[in-house]
């Protein structure tokens, strides 16, 4: 079955789980199926637990998740080492003020 056909099994109903994606209009969220798979449950176990569930429904959840993750962009954050942090900043609980119009300040420089 092609992806578009599988994705037809994923529906949204504002009256069920506040509009989260669900499987074929039933009260089983895609998120829940993915959580069970991530926890190590096998598709066979899910099919036993939900007699109305079909193998293609589980496949549709995986396709949906792949497509959602495919649209995410996470930029890496620059993390400075603790050795460069100011002990005075840590001691008083104050954080340096950031001024994006000026070059980045170095440790213990006064903020402008």
N, C-alpha and C. Protein backbone atom coordinates (compact mmCIF):
# COMPACT_ATOMS: atom_id res chain seq x y z
N UNK A 1 0.86 -1.18 0.00
CA UNK A 1 0.00 0.00 0.00
C UNK A 1 0.90 1.24 0.00
N UNK A 2 0.59 2.21 -0.84
CA UNK A 2 1.44 3.40 -0.91
C UNK A 2 1.18 4.34 0.28
N UNK A 3 2.11 5.26 0.49
CA UNK A 3 2.06 6.12 1.67
C UNK A 3 0.79 6.96 1.74
N UNK A 4 0.37 7.51 0.63
CA UNK A 4 -0.82 8.36 0.65
C UNK A 4 -2.05 7.57 1.06
N UNK A 5 -2.13 6.35 0.59
CA UNK A 5 -3.26 5.49 0.96
C UNK A 5 -3.20 5.17 2.46
N UNK A 6 -1.99 4.89 2.95
CA UNK A 6 -1.84 4.62 4.38
C UNK A 6 -2.23 5.84 5.21
N UNK A 7 -1.82 7.01 4.77
CA UNK A 7 -2.10 8.23 5.54
C UNK A 7 -3.59 8.57 5.60
N UNK A 8 -4.38 8.01 4.71
CA UNK A 8 -5.84 8.21 4.78
C UNK A 8 -6.41 7.59 6.05
N UNK A 9 -5.69 6.67 6.66
CA UNK A 9 -6.12 6.02 7.89
C UNK A 9 -5.96 6.94 9.10
N UNK A 10 -5.13 7.96 8.97
CA UNK A 10 -4.90 8.91 10.05
C UNK A 10 -5.88 10.06 9.89
N UNK A 11 -6.69 10.26 10.91
CA UNK A 11 -7.71 11.30 10.85
C UNK A 11 -7.58 12.23 12.06
N UNK A 12 -8.32 13.32 11.99
CA UNK A 12 -8.35 14.28 13.08
C UNK A 12 -9.80 14.63 13.35
N UNK A 13 -10.17 14.58 14.62
CA UNK A 13 -11.52 14.96 15.04
C UNK A 13 -11.36 15.86 16.26
N UNK A 14 -11.78 17.11 16.16
CA UNK A 14 -11.60 18.03 17.28
C UNK A 14 -12.27 17.56 18.57
N UNK A 15 -13.22 16.65 18.48
CA UNK A 15 -13.91 16.15 19.66
C UNK A 15 -13.23 14.94 20.29
N UNK A 16 -12.18 14.43 19.65
CA UNK A 16 -11.45 13.28 20.19
C UNK A 16 -10.01 13.71 20.46
N UNK A 17 -9.58 13.60 21.69
CA UNK A 17 -8.22 13.96 22.10
C UNK A 17 -7.82 15.35 21.64
N UNK A 18 -8.76 16.28 21.69
CA UNK A 18 -8.51 17.68 21.34
C UNK A 18 -7.92 17.85 19.94
N UNK A 19 -8.28 16.98 19.04
CA UNK A 19 -7.84 17.12 17.65
C UNK A 19 -6.50 16.49 17.34
N UNK A 20 -5.97 15.67 18.25
CA UNK A 20 -4.72 14.97 17.93
C UNK A 20 -4.99 13.94 16.85
N UNK A 21 -3.98 13.60 16.06
CA UNK A 21 -4.17 12.57 15.03
C UNK A 21 -4.55 11.24 15.66
N UNK A 22 -5.57 10.62 15.08
CA UNK A 22 -6.08 9.33 15.57
C UNK A 22 -6.17 8.35 14.41
N UNK A 23 -6.46 7.11 14.74
CA UNK A 23 -6.53 6.07 13.70
C UNK A 23 -7.98 5.81 13.33
N UNK A 24 -8.29 6.07 12.07
CA UNK A 24 -9.61 5.80 11.48
C UNK A 24 -10.78 6.27 12.34
N UNK A 25 -10.63 7.43 12.92
CA UNK A 25 -11.73 8.02 13.70
C UNK A 25 -11.97 7.37 15.05
N UNK A 26 -11.15 6.45 15.44
CA UNK A 26 -11.30 5.74 16.72
C UNK A 26 -10.55 6.49 17.82
N UNK A 27 -10.80 6.11 19.04
CA UNK A 27 -10.14 6.73 20.18
C UNK A 27 -8.80 6.06 20.48
N UNK A 28 -7.95 6.04 19.48
CA UNK A 28 -6.59 5.56 19.64
C UNK A 28 -5.70 6.55 18.90
N UNK A 29 -4.92 7.30 19.68
CA UNK A 29 -4.07 8.35 19.10
C UNK A 29 -2.82 7.74 18.46
N UNK A 30 -2.39 8.34 17.38
CA UNK A 30 -1.15 7.95 16.72
C UNK A 30 -0.01 8.00 17.74
N UNK A 31 -0.01 9.02 18.55
CA UNK A 31 1.00 9.20 19.59
C UNK A 31 1.07 7.98 20.52
N UNK A 32 -0.08 7.43 20.85
CA UNK A 32 -0.12 6.27 21.74
C UNK A 32 0.48 5.04 21.07
N UNK A 33 0.15 4.82 19.83
CA UNK A 33 0.70 3.68 19.09
C UNK A 33 2.21 3.81 18.99
N UNK A 34 2.68 5.00 18.64
CA UNK A 34 4.13 5.22 18.54
C UNK A 34 4.81 5.01 19.88
N UNK A 35 4.17 5.45 20.95
CA UNK A 35 4.73 5.25 22.29
C UNK A 35 4.85 3.78 22.65
N UNK A 36 3.85 2.99 22.29
CA UNK A 36 3.91 1.55 22.57
C UNK A 36 5.01 0.88 21.76
N UNK A 37 5.14 1.26 20.50
CA UNK A 37 6.20 0.70 19.65
C UNK A 37 7.57 1.11 20.22
N UNK A 38 7.70 2.37 20.59
CA UNK A 38 8.97 2.86 21.15
C UNK A 38 9.32 2.16 22.46
N UNK A 39 8.31 1.76 23.21
CA UNK A 39 8.53 1.07 24.49
C UNK A 39 8.89 -0.41 24.29
N UNK A 40 8.83 -0.87 23.05
CA UNK A 40 9.23 -2.24 22.78
C UNK A 40 8.10 -3.20 22.48
N UNK A 41 6.86 -2.71 22.50
CA UNK A 41 5.74 -3.58 22.15
C UNK A 41 5.83 -3.94 20.67
N UNK A 42 5.49 -5.14 20.34
CA UNK A 42 5.52 -5.58 18.95
C UNK A 42 4.19 -5.23 18.28
N UNK A 43 4.21 -5.11 16.97
CA UNK A 43 2.94 -4.89 16.26
C UNK A 43 1.93 -6.00 16.58
N UNK A 44 2.40 -7.22 16.73
CA UNK A 44 1.49 -8.33 17.04
C UNK A 44 0.79 -8.10 18.38
N UNK A 45 1.53 -7.60 19.36
CA UNK A 45 0.94 -7.32 20.67
C UNK A 45 -0.13 -6.23 20.58
N UNK A 46 0.14 -5.20 19.78
CA UNK A 46 -0.84 -4.14 19.58
C UNK A 46 -2.09 -4.68 18.90
N UNK A 47 -1.89 -5.54 17.91
CA UNK A 47 -3.04 -6.11 17.20
C UNK A 47 -3.88 -6.99 18.11
N UNK A 48 -3.23 -7.66 19.06
CA UNK A 48 -3.98 -8.46 20.04
C UNK A 48 -4.75 -7.57 21.01
N UNK A 49 -4.12 -6.47 21.42
CA UNK A 49 -4.75 -5.57 22.39
C UNK A 49 -5.88 -4.74 21.82
N UNK A 50 -5.85 -4.49 20.54
CA UNK A 50 -6.87 -3.71 19.85
C UNK A 50 -7.38 -4.54 18.67
N UNK A 51 -8.40 -5.37 18.88
CA UNK A 51 -8.86 -6.29 17.84
C UNK A 51 -9.27 -5.61 16.52
N UNK A 52 -9.71 -4.38 16.58
CA UNK A 52 -10.11 -3.67 15.37
C UNK A 52 -8.92 -3.10 14.60
N UNK A 53 -7.77 -3.00 15.27
CA UNK A 53 -6.57 -2.43 14.67
C UNK A 53 -6.02 -3.35 13.58
N UNK A 54 -5.53 -2.77 12.49
CA UNK A 54 -4.95 -3.54 11.40
C UNK A 54 -3.47 -3.20 11.24
N UNK A 55 -2.75 -4.12 10.66
CA UNK A 55 -1.31 -3.94 10.45
C UNK A 55 -1.04 -2.63 9.70
N UNK A 56 -1.88 -2.31 8.74
CA UNK A 56 -1.71 -1.08 7.97
C UNK A 56 -1.90 0.17 8.82
N UNK A 57 -2.69 0.08 9.89
CA UNK A 57 -2.85 1.22 10.79
C UNK A 57 -1.53 1.55 11.49
N UNK A 58 -0.83 0.52 11.92
CA UNK A 58 0.47 0.71 12.58
C UNK A 58 1.47 1.28 11.58
N UNK A 59 1.44 0.75 10.38
CA UNK A 59 2.31 1.25 9.31
C UNK A 59 2.00 2.71 9.03
N UNK A 60 0.73 3.07 9.04
CA UNK A 60 0.33 4.46 8.80
C UNK A 60 0.87 5.38 9.89
N UNK A 61 0.87 4.92 11.12
CA UNK A 61 1.43 5.73 12.23
C UNK A 61 2.91 5.99 12.01
N UNK A 62 3.63 4.98 11.56
CA UNK A 62 5.06 5.13 11.31
C UNK A 62 5.32 6.08 10.14
N UNK A 63 4.53 5.99 9.10
CA UNK A 63 4.66 6.89 7.95
C UNK A 63 4.37 8.32 8.41
N UNK A 64 3.32 8.49 9.19
CA UNK A 64 2.95 9.82 9.70
C UNK A 64 4.10 10.41 10.51
N UNK A 65 4.67 9.61 11.41
CA UNK A 65 5.78 10.07 12.25
C UNK A 65 6.99 10.44 11.40
N UNK A 66 7.32 9.63 10.43
CA UNK A 66 8.47 9.92 9.57
C UNK A 66 8.27 11.23 8.84
N UNK A 67 7.06 11.45 8.34
CA UNK A 67 6.80 12.70 7.61
C UNK A 67 6.85 13.91 8.54
N UNK A 68 6.36 13.77 9.75
CA UNK A 68 6.41 14.87 10.71
C UNK A 68 7.85 15.20 11.08
N UNK A 69 8.64 14.19 11.36
CA UNK A 69 10.03 14.41 11.74
C UNK A 69 10.82 14.95 10.56
N UNK A 70 10.46 14.57 9.37
CA UNK A 70 11.13 15.05 8.17
C UNK A 70 11.01 16.55 7.98
N UNK A 71 10.03 17.18 8.61
CA UNK A 71 9.83 18.63 8.49
C UNK A 71 10.46 19.40 9.63
N UNK A 72 11.02 18.73 10.62
CA UNK A 72 11.64 19.41 11.76
C UNK A 72 13.03 19.87 11.41
N UNK A 73 13.37 21.03 11.92
CA UNK A 73 14.73 21.54 11.79
C UNK A 73 15.17 22.00 13.17
N UNK A 74 16.18 21.38 13.69
CA UNK A 74 16.69 21.74 15.00
C UNK A 74 18.10 22.28 14.83
N UNK A 75 18.28 23.52 15.22
CA UNK A 75 19.59 24.15 15.11
C UNK A 75 20.40 23.81 16.36
N UNK A 76 21.65 23.42 16.19
CA UNK A 76 22.47 23.13 17.37
C UNK A 76 22.75 24.40 18.15
N UNK A 77 22.75 24.30 19.45
CA UNK A 77 23.05 25.43 20.32
C UNK A 77 24.53 25.41 20.66
N UNK A 78 25.12 26.58 20.70
CA UNK A 78 26.52 26.67 21.11
C UNK A 78 26.53 26.66 22.63
N UNK A 79 27.20 25.70 23.20
CA UNK A 79 27.25 25.57 24.65
C UNK A 79 28.69 25.81 25.09
N UNK A 80 28.86 26.80 25.94
CA UNK A 80 30.20 27.09 26.45
C UNK A 80 30.50 26.17 27.61
N UNK A 81 31.76 25.90 27.79
CA UNK A 81 32.16 25.03 28.89
C UNK A 81 32.03 25.78 30.22
N UNK A 82 31.89 25.03 31.29
CA UNK A 82 31.75 25.62 32.62
C UNK A 82 33.01 26.38 33.02
N UNK A 83 34.14 25.99 32.48
CA UNK A 83 35.41 26.65 32.83
C UNK A 83 35.41 28.11 32.42
N UNK A 84 34.64 28.47 31.40
CA UNK A 84 34.60 29.85 30.92
C UNK A 84 33.58 30.70 31.64
N UNK A 85 32.71 30.09 32.43
CA UNK A 85 31.66 30.87 33.07
C UNK A 85 32.24 31.68 34.24
N UNK A 86 31.62 32.75 34.55
CA UNK A 86 32.09 33.63 35.63
C UNK A 86 31.59 33.12 36.97
N UNK A 87 32.47 33.02 37.91
CA UNK A 87 32.05 32.57 39.24
C UNK A 87 31.16 33.62 39.88
N UNK A 88 31.37 34.90 39.58
CA UNK A 88 30.53 35.94 40.18
C UNK A 88 29.10 35.85 39.64
N UNK A 89 28.97 35.51 38.38
CA UNK A 89 27.63 35.37 37.81
C UNK A 89 26.92 34.20 38.48
N UNK A 90 27.62 33.10 38.66
CA UNK A 90 27.02 31.94 39.29
C UNK A 90 26.70 32.22 40.76
N UNK A 91 27.58 32.94 41.43
CA UNK A 91 27.40 33.20 42.86
C UNK A 91 26.17 34.06 43.12
N UNK A 92 25.92 35.04 42.29
CA UNK A 92 24.81 35.95 42.53
C UNK A 92 23.55 35.58 41.75
N UNK A 93 23.63 34.56 40.94
CA UNK A 93 22.45 34.11 40.20
C UNK A 93 22.06 35.02 39.07
N UNK A 94 22.92 35.97 38.72
CA UNK A 94 22.60 36.90 37.64
C UNK A 94 23.16 36.35 36.34
N UNK A 95 22.45 36.59 35.29
CA UNK A 95 22.92 36.17 33.97
C UNK A 95 23.34 37.41 33.20
N UNK A 96 24.32 37.30 32.33
CA UNK A 96 24.72 38.47 31.54
C UNK A 96 23.60 38.88 30.61
N UNK A 97 23.46 40.19 30.41
CA UNK A 97 22.46 40.68 29.47
C UNK A 97 23.01 40.54 28.06
N UNK A 98 22.18 40.11 27.16
CA UNK A 98 22.61 39.93 25.78
C UNK A 98 22.24 41.16 24.97
N UNK A 99 23.18 41.64 24.21
CA UNK A 99 22.94 42.76 23.32
C UNK A 99 23.33 42.29 21.93
N UNK A 100 22.36 42.06 21.09
CA UNK A 100 22.62 41.48 19.78
C UNK A 100 23.17 42.50 18.78
N UNK A 101 23.20 43.77 19.16
CA UNK A 101 23.74 44.78 18.26
C UNK A 101 25.24 44.95 18.41
N UNK A 102 25.79 44.39 19.45
CA UNK A 102 27.22 44.49 19.68
C UNK A 102 27.83 43.10 19.67
N UNK A 103 29.14 43.00 19.48
CA UNK A 103 29.77 41.68 19.50
C UNK A 103 29.50 40.98 20.83
N UNK A 104 29.55 39.68 20.80
CA UNK A 104 29.30 38.90 22.01
C UNK A 104 30.33 39.25 23.06
N UNK A 105 29.87 39.40 24.30
CA UNK A 105 30.80 39.73 25.36
C UNK A 105 31.51 38.48 25.84
N UNK A 106 32.66 38.67 26.36
CA UNK A 106 33.40 37.55 26.92
C UNK A 106 33.12 37.46 28.41
N UNK A 107 33.55 36.40 29.00
CA UNK A 107 33.28 36.15 30.40
C UNK A 107 33.75 37.32 31.28
N UNK A 108 32.90 37.74 32.17
CA UNK A 108 33.16 38.77 33.17
C UNK A 108 33.28 40.17 32.59
N UNK A 109 32.98 40.39 31.32
CA UNK A 109 32.91 41.74 30.79
C UNK A 109 31.60 42.35 31.23
N UNK A 110 31.56 43.59 31.57
CA UNK A 110 30.28 44.18 31.95
C UNK A 110 29.37 44.29 30.74
N UNK A 111 28.11 44.03 30.96
CA UNK A 111 27.12 44.17 29.89
C UNK A 111 26.85 45.65 29.67
N UNK A 112 26.62 46.04 28.42
CA UNK A 112 26.38 47.45 28.10
C UNK A 112 24.89 47.68 28.00
